[in-house]
């Protein structure tokens, strides 16, 4: 009989699984928590505030629209971000 070439992959796969118990969300930031996780892990007990930064309307449009200029931006976004340090150096 031929040896299974994937035997090395499946050799250490557990035979069973464990489902953790549901835990209430964080009372400060409403983050989903896991069983046995430190209760202050997500936001340090309310000391850290996660704020969504303001995105200008034009930038939001470039990311979400299907206009020709927005499509061009989306298709070339990596080039634009790679050129940004050069633009900043030229501003100084």
PDB file of N, CA and C in Angstrom:
ATOM      1  N   UNK A   1       0.839  -1.182   0.000  1.00  0.00           N
ATOM      2  CA  UNK A   1       0.000   0.000   0.000  1.00  0.00           C
ATOM      3  C   UNK A   1       0.883   1.245   0.000  1.00  0.00           C
ATOM      4  N   UNK A   2       0.485   2.261  -0.764  1.00  0.00           N
ATOM      5  CA  UNK A   2       1.270   3.491  -0.891  1.00  0.00           C
ATOM      6  C   UNK A   2       1.037   4.385   0.321  1.00  0.00           C
ATOM      7  N   UNK A   3       2.110   5.024   0.789  1.00  0.00           N
ATOM      8  CA  UNK A   3       2.017   5.917   1.941  1.00  0.00           C
ATOM      9  C   UNK A   3       1.359   7.229   1.532  1.00  0.00           C
ATOM     10  N   UNK A   4       0.512   7.748   2.408  1.00  0.00           N
ATOM     11  CA  UNK A   4      -0.191   9.003   2.156  1.00  0.00           C
ATOM     12  C   UNK A   4       0.802  10.158   2.223  1.00  0.00           C
ATOM     13  N   UNK A   5       0.937  10.977   1.154  1.00  0.00           N
ATOM     14  CA  UNK A   5       1.905  12.081   1.175  1.00  0.00           C
ATOM     15  C   UNK A   5       1.517  13.181   2.178  1.00  0.00           C
ATOM     16  N   UNK A   6       0.270  13.227   2.602  1.00  0.00           N
ATOM     17  CA  UNK A   6      -0.177  14.246   3.541  1.00  0.00           C
ATOM     18  C   UNK A   6      -0.222  13.737   4.977  1.00  0.00           C
ATOM     19  N   UNK A   7       0.310  12.572   5.219  1.00  0.00           N
ATOM     20  CA  UNK A   7       0.291  11.994   6.558  1.00  0.00           C
ATOM     21  C   UNK A   7       0.998  12.904   7.569  1.00  0.00           C
ATOM     22  N   UNK A   8       2.065  13.563   7.143  1.00  0.00           N
ATOM     23  CA  UNK A   8       2.796  14.449   8.064  1.00  0.00           C
ATOM     24  C   UNK A   8       1.946  15.645   8.485  1.00  0.00           C
ATOM     25  N   UNK A   9       0.994  16.047   7.655  1.00  0.00           N
ATOM     26  CA  UNK A   9       0.132  17.179   7.978  1.00  0.00           C
ATOM     27  C   UNK A   9      -0.927  16.775   8.999  1.00  0.00           C
ATOM     28  N   UNK A  10      -1.500  15.604   8.815  1.00  0.00           N
ATOM     29  CA  UNK A  10      -2.619  15.164   9.648  1.00  0.00           C
ATOM     30  C   UNK A  10      -2.186  14.394  10.894  1.00  0.00           C
ATOM     31  N   UNK A  11      -0.918  14.198  11.086  1.00  0.00           N
ATOM     32  CA  UNK A  11      -0.429  13.387  12.186  1.00  0.00           C
ATOM     33  C   UNK A  11      -0.795  13.975  13.552  1.00  0.00           C
ATOM     34  N   UNK A  12      -0.721  15.286  13.725  1.00  0.00           N
ATOM     35  CA  UNK A  12      -0.949  15.913  15.028  1.00  0.00           C
ATOM     36  C   UNK A  12      -2.289  16.633  15.145  1.00  0.00           C
ATOM     37  N   UNK A  13      -3.237  16.286  14.287  1.00  0.00           N
ATOM     38  CA  UNK A  13      -4.548  16.921  14.359  1.00  0.00           C
ATOM     39  C   UNK A  13      -5.311  16.332  15.546  1.00  0.00           C
ATOM     40  N   UNK A  14      -5.857  17.173  16.421  1.00  0.00           N
ATOM     41  CA  UNK A  14      -6.590  16.643  17.580  1.00  0.00           C
ATOM     42  C   UNK A  14      -7.834  15.875  17.142  1.00  0.00           C
ATOM     43  N   UNK A  15      -8.211  14.909  17.943  1.00  0.00           N
ATOM     44  CA  UNK A  15      -9.383  14.103  17.610  1.00  0.00           C
ATOM     45  C   UNK A  15     -10.681  14.784  18.045  1.00  0.00           C
ATOM     46  N   UNK A  16     -10.597  15.727  18.953  1.00  0.00           N
ATOM     47  CA  UNK A  16     -11.784  16.435  19.410  1.00  0.00           C
ATOM     48  C   UNK A  16     -11.560  17.927  19.389  1.00  0.00           C
ATOM     49  N   UNK A  17     -12.552  18.662  19.861  1.00  0.00           N
ATOM     50  CA  UNK A  17     -12.439  20.118  19.912  1.00  0.00           C
ATOM     51  C   UNK A  17     -13.053  20.621  21.215  1.00  0.00           C
ATOM     52  N   UNK A  18     -12.756  21.873  21.526  1.00  0.00           N
ATOM     53  CA  UNK A  18     -13.255  22.486  22.754  1.00  0.00           C
ATOM     54  C   UNK A  18     -13.992  23.768  22.384  1.00  0.00           C
ATOM     55  N   UNK A  19     -15.196  23.906  22.878  1.00  0.00           N
ATOM     56  CA  UNK A  19     -15.970  25.127  22.668  1.00  0.00           C
ATOM     57  C   UNK A  19     -15.976  25.881  23.988  1.00  0.00           C
ATOM     58  N   UNK A  20     -15.464  27.097  23.965  1.00  0.00           N
ATOM     59  CA  UNK A  20     -15.405  27.876  25.207  1.00  0.00           C
ATOM     60  C   UNK A  20     -16.789  28.392  25.576  1.00  0.00           C
ATOM     61  N   UNK A  21     -16.936  28.702  26.832  1.00  0.00           N
ATOM     62  CA  UNK A  21     -18.215  29.203  27.344  1.00  0.00           C
ATOM     63  C   UNK A  21     -18.400  30.663  26.929  1.00  0.00           C
ATOM     64  N   UNK A  22     -19.635  31.092  26.695  1.00  0.00           N
ATOM     65  CA  UNK A  22     -19.869  32.490  26.356  1.00  0.00           C
ATOM     66  C   UNK A  22     -19.502  33.401  27.529  1.00  0.00           C
ATOM     67  N   UNK A  23     -18.940  34.532  27.183  1.00  0.00           N
ATOM     68  CA  UNK A  23     -18.521  35.515  28.187  1.00  0.00           C
ATOM     69  C   UNK A  23     -19.170  36.842  27.803  1.00  0.00           C
ATOM     70  N   UNK A  24     -19.665  37.614  28.767  1.00  0.00           N
ATOM     71  CA  UNK A  24     -20.271  38.900  28.420  1.00  0.00           C
ATOM     72  C   UNK A  24     -19.249  39.860  27.805  1.00  0.00           C
ATOM     73  N   UNK A  25     -19.743  40.714  26.926  1.00  0.00           N
ATOM     74  CA  UNK A  25     -18.887  41.719  26.302  1.00  0.00           C
ATOM     75  C   UNK A  25     -18.358  42.686  27.353  1.00  0.00           C
ATOM     76  N   UNK A  26     -17.282  43.390  27.000  1.00  0.00           N
ATOM     77  CA  UNK A  26     -16.690  44.392  27.884  1.00  0.00           C
ATOM     78  C   UNK A  26     -17.729  45.479  28.179  1.00  0.00           C
ATOM     79  N   UNK A  27     -17.824  45.857  29.430  1.00  0.00           N
ATOM     80  CA  UNK A  27     -18.799  46.884  29.808  1.00  0.00           C
ATOM     81  C   UNK A  27     -18.358  48.288  29.401  1.00  0.00           C
ATOM     82  N   UNK A  28     -17.065  48.472  29.116  1.00  0.00           N
ATOM     83  CA  UNK A  28     -16.567  49.799  28.738  1.00  0.00           C
ATOM     84  C   UNK A  28     -16.603  50.026  27.231  1.00  0.00           C
ATOM     85  N   UNK A  29     -16.104  49.047  26.458  1.00  0.00           N
ATOM     86  CA  UNK A  29     -15.981  49.257  25.009  1.00  0.00           C
ATOM     87  C   UNK A  29     -16.831  48.291  24.192  1.00  0.00           C
ATOM     88  N   UNK A  30     -17.534  47.386  24.848  1.00  0.00           N
ATOM     89  CA  UNK A  30     -18.403  46.410  24.191  1.00  0.00           C
ATOM     90  C   UNK A  30     -17.636  45.421  23.312  1.00  0.00           C
ATOM     91  N   UNK A  31     -16.350  45.213  23.584  1.00  0.00           N
ATOM     92  CA  UNK A  31     -15.552  44.258  22.812  1.00  0.00           C
ATOM     93  C   UNK A  31     -15.956  42.831  23.165  1.00  0.00           C
ATOM     94  N   UNK A  32     -15.906  41.945  22.180  1.00  0.00           N
ATOM     95  CA  UNK A  32     -16.172  40.525  22.401  1.00  0.00           C
ATOM     96  C   UNK A  32     -15.021  39.951  23.193  1.00  0.00           C
ATOM     97  N   UNK A  33     -15.339  39.252  24.271  1.00  0.00           N
ATOM     98  CA  UNK A  33     -14.295  38.671  25.101  1.00  0.00           C
ATOM     99  C   UNK A  33     -14.328  37.163  24.986  1.00  0.00           C
ATOM    100  N   UNK A  34     -13.218  36.515  25.341  1.00  0.00           N
ATOM    101  CA  UNK A  34     -13.097  35.072  25.317  1.00  0.00           C
ATOM    102  C   UNK A  34     -12.957  34.545  26.733  1.00  0.00           C
ATOM    103  N   UNK A  35     -13.335  33.303  26.904  1.00  0.00           N
ATOM    104  CA  UNK A  35     -13.226  32.659  28.209  1.00  0.00           C
ATOM    105  C   UNK A  35     -11.772  32.705  28.684  1.00  0.00           C
ATOM    106  N   UNK A  36     -11.558  32.995  29.936  1.00  0.00           N
ATOM    107  CA  UNK A  36     -10.252  33.079  30.598  1.00  0.00           C
ATOM    108  C   UNK A  36      -9.433  34.297  30.163  1.00  0.00           C
ATOM    109  N   UNK A  37      -9.990  35.186  29.363  1.00  0.00           N
ATOM    110  CA  UNK A  37      -9.268  36.396  28.965  1.00  0.00           C
ATOM    111  C   UNK A  37      -9.354  37.422  30.095  1.00  0.00           C
ATOM    112  N   UNK A  38      -8.271  38.127  30.319  1.00  0.00           N
ATOM    113  CA  UNK A  38      -8.233  39.168  31.338  1.00  0.00           C
ATOM    114  C   UNK A  38      -9.313  40.210  31.021  1.00  0.00           C
ATOM    115  N   UNK A  39     -10.143  40.600  31.982  1.00  0.00           N
ATOM    116  CA  UNK A  39     -11.228  41.537  31.693  1.00  0.00           C
ATOM    117  C   UNK A  39     -10.761  42.923  31.258  1.00  0.00           C
ATOM    118  N   UNK A  40      -9.519  43.282  31.521  1.00  0.00           N
ATOM    119  CA  UNK A  40      -9.026  44.605  31.107  1.00  0.00           C
ATOM    120  C   UNK A  40      -8.154  44.521  29.857  1.00  0.00           C
ATOM    121  N   UNK A  41      -8.157  43.392  29.179  1.00  0.00           N
ATOM    122  CA  UNK A  41      -7.278  43.194  28.025  1.00  0.00           C
ATOM    123  C   UNK A  41      -7.602  44.129  26.860  1.00  0.00           C
ATOM    124  N   UNK A  42      -8.873  44.384  26.605  1.00  0.00           N
ATOM    125  CA  UNK A  42      -9.263  45.137  25.411  1.00  0.00           C
ATOM    126  C   UNK A  42      -9.020  46.638  25.537  1.00  0.00           C
ATOM    127  N   UNK A  43      -9.451  47.246  26.651  1.00  0.00           N
ATOM    128  CA  UNK A  43      -9.380  48.710  26.751  1.00  0.00           C
ATOM    129  C   UNK A  43      -8.813  49.177  28.086  1.00  0.00           C
ATOM    130  N   UNK A  44      -8.127  48.285  28.777  1.00  0.00           N
ATOM    131  CA  UNK A  44      -7.533  48.616  30.082  1.00  0.00           C
ATOM    132  C   UNK A  44      -8.575  49.156  31.051  1.00  0.00           C
ATOM    133  N   UNK A  45      -9.749  48.552  31.042  1.00  0.00           N
ATOM    134  CA  UNK A  45     -10.803  48.954  31.967  1.00  0.00           C
ATOM    135  C   UNK A  45     -11.356  50.339  31.685  1.00  0.00           C
ATOM    136  N   UNK A  46     -11.384  50.747  30.426  1.00  0.00           N
ATOM    137  CA  UNK A  46     -11.923  52.050  30.056  1.00  0.00           C
ATOM    138  C   UNK A  46     -10.881  53.147  29.965  1.00  0.00           C
ATOM    139  N   UNK A  47      -9.611  52.837  30.203  1.00  0.00           N
ATOM    140  CA  UNK A  47      -8.550  53.854  30.140  1.00  0.00           C
ATOM    141  C   UNK A  47      -8.179  54.203  28.708  1.00  0.00           C
ATOM    142  N   UNK A  48      -8.362  53.249  27.778  1.00  0.00           N
ATOM    143  CA  UNK A  48      -8.022  53.469  26.376  1.00  0.00           C
ATOM    144  C   UNK A  48      -9.319  53.686  25.600  1.00  0.00           C
ATOM    145  N   UNK A  49      -9.396  54.765  24.861  1.00  0.00           N
ATOM    146  CA  UNK A  49     -10.565  55.075  24.047  1.00  0.00           C
ATOM    147  C   UNK A  49     -10.175  54.924  22.575  1.00  0.00           C
ATOM    148  N   UNK A  50     -10.865  54.065  21.869  1.00  0.00           N
ATOM    149  CA  UNK A  50     -10.602  53.873  20.448  1.00  0.00           C
ATOM    150  C   UNK A  50     -11.531  54.800  19.684  1.00  0.00           C
ATOM    151  N   UNK A  51     -10.942  55.694  18.920  1.00  0.00           N
ATOM    152  CA  UNK A  51     -11.698  56.707  18.207  1.00  0.00           C
ATOM    153  C   UNK A  51     -11.505  56.500  16.711  1.00  0.00           C
ATOM    154  N   UNK A  52     -12.585  56.575  15.970  1.00  0.00           N
ATOM    155  CA  UNK A  52     -12.504  56.501  14.517  1.00  0.00           C
ATOM    156  C   UNK A  52     -12.038  57.856  14.000  1.00  0.00           C
ATOM    157  N   UNK A  53     -10.924  57.899  13.263  1.00  0.00           N
ATOM    158  CA  UNK A  53     -10.430  59.190  12.778  1.00  0.00           C
ATOM    159  C   UNK A  53     -11.368  59.779  11.721  1.00  0.00           C
ATOM    160  N   UNK A  54     -11.362  61.079  11.640  1.00  0.00           N
ATOM    161  CA  UNK A  54     -12.166  61.771  10.637  1.00  0.00           C
ATOM    162  C   UNK A  54     -11.550  61.528   9.259  1.00  0.00           C
ATOM    163  N   UNK A  55     -12.379  61.119   8.318  1.00  0.00           N
ATOM    164  CA  UNK A  55     -11.935  60.909   6.936  1.00  0.00           C
ATOM    165  C   UNK A  55     -12.647  61.953   6.084  1.00  0.00           C
ATOM    166  N   UNK A  56     -11.886  62.814   5.405  1.00  0.00           N
ATOM    167  CA  UNK A  56     -12.521  63.838   4.561  1.00  0.00           C
ATOM    168  C   UNK A  56     -13.418  63.185   3.502  1.00  0.00           C
ATOM    169  N   UNK A  57     -14.462  63.895   3.123  1.00  0.00           N
ATOM    170  CA  UNK A  57     -15.438  63.366   2.160  1.00  0.00           C
ATOM    171  C   UNK A  57     -14.777  62.961   0.849  1.00  0.00           C
ATOM    172  N   UNK A  58     -13.828  63.759   0.372  1.00  0.00           N
ATOM    173  CA  UNK A  58     -13.159  63.447  -0.893  1.00  0.00           C
ATOM    174  C   UNK A  58     -12.367  62.141  -0.798  1.00  0.00           C
ATOM    175  N   UNK A  59     -11.693  61.923   0.328  1.00  0.00           N
ATOM    176  CA  UNK A  59     -10.933  60.684   0.515  1.00  0.00           C
ATOM    177  C   UNK A  59     -11.882  59.493   0.605  1.00  0.00           C
ATOM    178  N   UNK A  60     -12.971  59.648   1.330  1.00  0.00           N
ATOM    179  CA  UNK A  60     -13.967  58.575   1.440  1.00  0.00           C
ATOM    180  C   UNK A  60     -14.525  58.227   0.058  1.00  0.00           C
ATOM    181  N   UNK A  61     -14.782  59.269  -0.747  1.00  0.00           N
ATOM    182  CA  UNK A  61     -15.296  59.042  -2.098  1.00  0.00           C
ATOM    183  C   UNK A  61     -14.304  58.256  -2.942  1.00  0.00           C
ATOM    184  N   UNK A  62     -13.009  58.587  -2.827  1.00  0.00           N
ATOM    185  CA  UNK A  62     -12.004  57.872  -3.610  1.00  0.00           C
ATOM    186  C   UNK A  62     -11.953  56.385  -3.253  1.00  0.00           C
ATOM    187  N   UNK A  63     -12.184  56.054  -2.001  1.00  0.00           N
ATOM    188  CA  UNK A  63     -12.150  54.659  -1.564  1.00  0.00           C
ATOM    189  C   UNK A  63     -13.432  53.893  -1.883  1.00  0.00           C
ATOM    190  N   UNK A  64     -14.579  54.581  -1.927  1.00  0.00           N
ATOM    191  CA  UNK A  64     -15.848  53.866  -2.012  1.00  0.00           C
ATOM    192  C   UNK A  64     -16.592  54.025  -3.329  1.00  0.00           C
ATOM    193  N   UNK A  65     -16.267  55.022  -4.112  1.00  0.00           N
ATOM    194  CA  UNK A  65     -17.014  55.306  -5.337  1.00  0.00           C
ATOM    195  C   UNK A  65     -16.521  54.450  -6.494  1.00  0.00           C
ATOM    196  N   UNK A  66     -17.314  54.391  -7.536  1.00  0.00           N
ATOM    197  CA  UNK A  66     -16.926  53.695  -8.766  1.00  0.00           C
ATOM    198  C   UNK A  66     -16.716  54.687  -9.912  1.00  0.00           C
ATOM    199  N   UNK A  67     -16.558  55.978  -9.576  1.00  0.00           N
ATOM    200  CA  UNK A  67     -16.254  56.991 -10.594  1.00  0.00           C
ATOM    201  C   UNK A  67     -14.915  56.670 -11.242  1.00  0.00           C
ATOM    202  N   UNK A  68     -14.671  57.163 -12.467  1.00  0.00           N
ATOM    203  CA  UNK A  68     -13.399  56.866 -13.140  1.00  0.00           C
ATOM    204  C   UNK A  68     -12.166  57.286 -12.335  1.00  0.00           C
ATOM    205  N   UNK A  69     -12.189  58.482 -11.716  1.00  0.00           N
ATOM    206  CA  UNK A  69     -11.015  58.902 -10.957  1.00  0.00           C
ATOM    207  C   UNK A  69     -10.864  58.067  -9.679  1.00  0.00           C
ATOM    208  N   UNK A  70     -11.974  57.660  -9.080  1.00  0.00           N
ATOM    209  CA  UNK A  70     -11.897  56.805  -7.895  1.00  0.00           C
ATOM    210  C   UNK A  70     -11.376  55.421  -8.263  1.00  0.00           C
ATOM    211  N   UNK A  71     -11.821  54.883  -9.396  1.00  0.00           N
ATOM    212  CA  UNK A  71     -11.328  53.579  -9.861  1.00  0.00           C
ATOM    213  C   UNK A  71      -9.824  53.654 -10.117  1.00  0.00           C
ATOM    214  N   UNK A  72      -9.371  54.755 -10.744  1.00  0.00           N
ATOM    215  CA  UNK A  72      -7.940  54.932 -10.987  1.00  0.00           C
ATOM    216  C   UNK A  72      -7.179  54.951  -9.665  1.00  0.00           C
ATOM    217  N   UNK A  73      -7.704  55.685  -8.687  1.00  0.00           N
ATOM    218  CA  UNK A  73      -7.081  55.749  -7.361  1.00  0.00           C
ATOM    219  C   UNK A  73      -6.989  54.357  -6.742  1.00  0.00           C
ATOM    220  N   UNK A  74      -8.097  53.601  -6.782  1.00  0.00           N
ATOM    221  CA  UNK A  74      -8.136  52.266  -6.189  1.00  0.00           C
ATOM    222  C   UNK A  74      -7.172  51.305  -6.884  1.00  0.00           C
ATOM    223  N   UNK A  75      -7.091  51.412  -8.204  1.00  0.00           N
ATOM    224  CA  UNK A  75      -6.193  50.522  -8.959  1.00  0.00           C
ATOM    225  C   UNK A  75      -4.727  50.852  -8.721  1.00  0.00           C
ATOM    226  N   UNK A  76      -4.424  52.093  -8.364  1.00  0.00           N
ATOM    227  CA  UNK A  76      -3.041  52.533  -8.202  1.00  0.00           C
ATOM    228  C   UNK A  76      -2.712  52.960  -6.778  1.00  0.00           C
ATOM    229  N   UNK A  77      -3.470  52.481  -5.826  1.00  0.00           N
ATOM    230  CA  UNK A  77      -3.295  52.943  -4.446  1.00  0.00           C
ATOM    231  C   UNK A  77      -1.909  52.601  -3.903  1.00  0.00           C
ATOM    232  N   UNK A  78      -1.385  51.444  -4.251  1.00  0.00           N
ATOM    233  CA  UNK A  78      -0.058  51.059  -3.746  1.00  0.00           C
ATOM    234  C   UNK A  78       1.013  52.021  -4.271  1.00  0.00           C
ATOM    235  N   UNK A  79       0.930  52.389  -5.526  1.00  0.00           N
ATOM    236  CA  UNK A  79       1.892  53.342  -6.097  1.00  0.00           C
ATOM    237  C   UNK A  79       1.773  54.683  -5.384  1.00  0.00           C
ATOM    238  N   UNK A  80       0.528  55.117  -5.150  1.00  0.00           N
ATOM    239  CA  UNK A  80       0.320  56.404  -4.469  1.00  0.00           C
ATOM    240  C   UNK A  80       0.936  56.405  -3.084  1.00  0.00           C
ATOM    241  N   UNK A  81       0.715  55.338  -2.309  1.00  0.00           N
ATOM    242  CA  UNK A  81       1.266  55.280  -0.948  1.00  0.00           C
ATOM    243  C   UNK A  81       2.785  55.160  -0.969  1.00  0.00           C
ATOM    244  N   UNK A  82       3.354  54.467  -1.959  1.00  0.00           N
ATOM    245  CA  UNK A  82       4.810  54.355  -2.049  1.00  0.00           C
ATOM    246  C   UNK A  82       5.453  55.681  -2.430  1.00  0.00           C
ATOM    247  N   UNK A  83       4.745  56.547  -3.147  1.00  0.00           N
ATOM    248  CA  UNK A  83       5.292  57.849  -3.532  1.00  0.00           C
ATOM    249  C   UNK A  83       5.143  58.907  -2.441  1.00  0.00           C
ATOM    250  N   UNK A  84       4.289  58.637  -1.459  1.00  0.00           N
ATOM    251  CA  UNK A  84       4.026  59.640  -0.419  1.00  0.00           C
ATOM    252  C   UNK A  84       5.294  60.133   0.282  1.00  0.00           C
ATOM    253  N   UNK A  85       6.259  59.274   0.680  1.00  0.00           N
ATOM    254  CA  UNK A  85       7.474  59.809   1.329  1.00  0.00           C
ATOM    255  C   UNK A  85       8.230  60.795   0.442  1.00  0.00           C
ATOM    256  N   UNK A  86       8.199  60.572  -0.871  1.00  0.00           N
ATOM    257  CA  UNK A  86       8.873  61.510  -1.780  1.00  0.00           C
ATOM    258  C   UNK A  86       8.159  62.855  -1.791  1.00  0.00           C
ATOM    259  N   UNK A  87       6.826  62.829  -1.745  1.00  0.00           N
ATOM    260  CA  UNK A  87       6.072  64.084  -1.703  1.00  0.00           C
ATOM    261  C   UNK A  87       6.383  64.843  -0.421  1.00  0.00           C
ATOM    262  N   UNK A  88       6.442  64.131   0.689  1.00  0.00           N
ATOM    263  CA  UNK A  88       6.710  64.780   1.979  1.00  0.00           C
ATOM    264  C   UNK A  88       8.106  65.392   1.988  1.00  0.00           C
ATOM    265  N   UNK A  89       9.083  64.692   1.422  1.00  0.00           N
ATOM    266  CA  UNK A  89      10.450  65.224   1.379  1.00  0.00           C
ATOM    267  C   UNK A  89      10.510  66.487   0.527  1.00  0.00           C
ATOM    268  N   UNK A  90       9.725  66.544  -0.553  1.00  0.00           N
ATOM    269  CA  UNK A  90       9.722  67.718  -1.419  1.00  0.00           C
ATOM    270  C   UNK A  90       9.015  68.901  -0.770  1.00  0.00           C
ATOM    271  N   UNK A  91       8.148  68.647   0.196  1.00  0.00           N
ATOM    272  CA  UNK A  91       7.448  69.738   0.870  1.00  0.00           C
ATOM    273  C   UNK A  91       8.360  70.486   1.832  1.00  0.00           C
ATOM    274  N   UNK A  92       9.389  69.822   2.315  1.00  0.00           N
ATOM    275  CA  UNK A  92      10.268  70.450   3.317  1.00  0.00           C
ATOM    276  C   UNK A  92      11.196  71.445   2.707  1.00  0.00           C
TER     277      UNK A  92
END
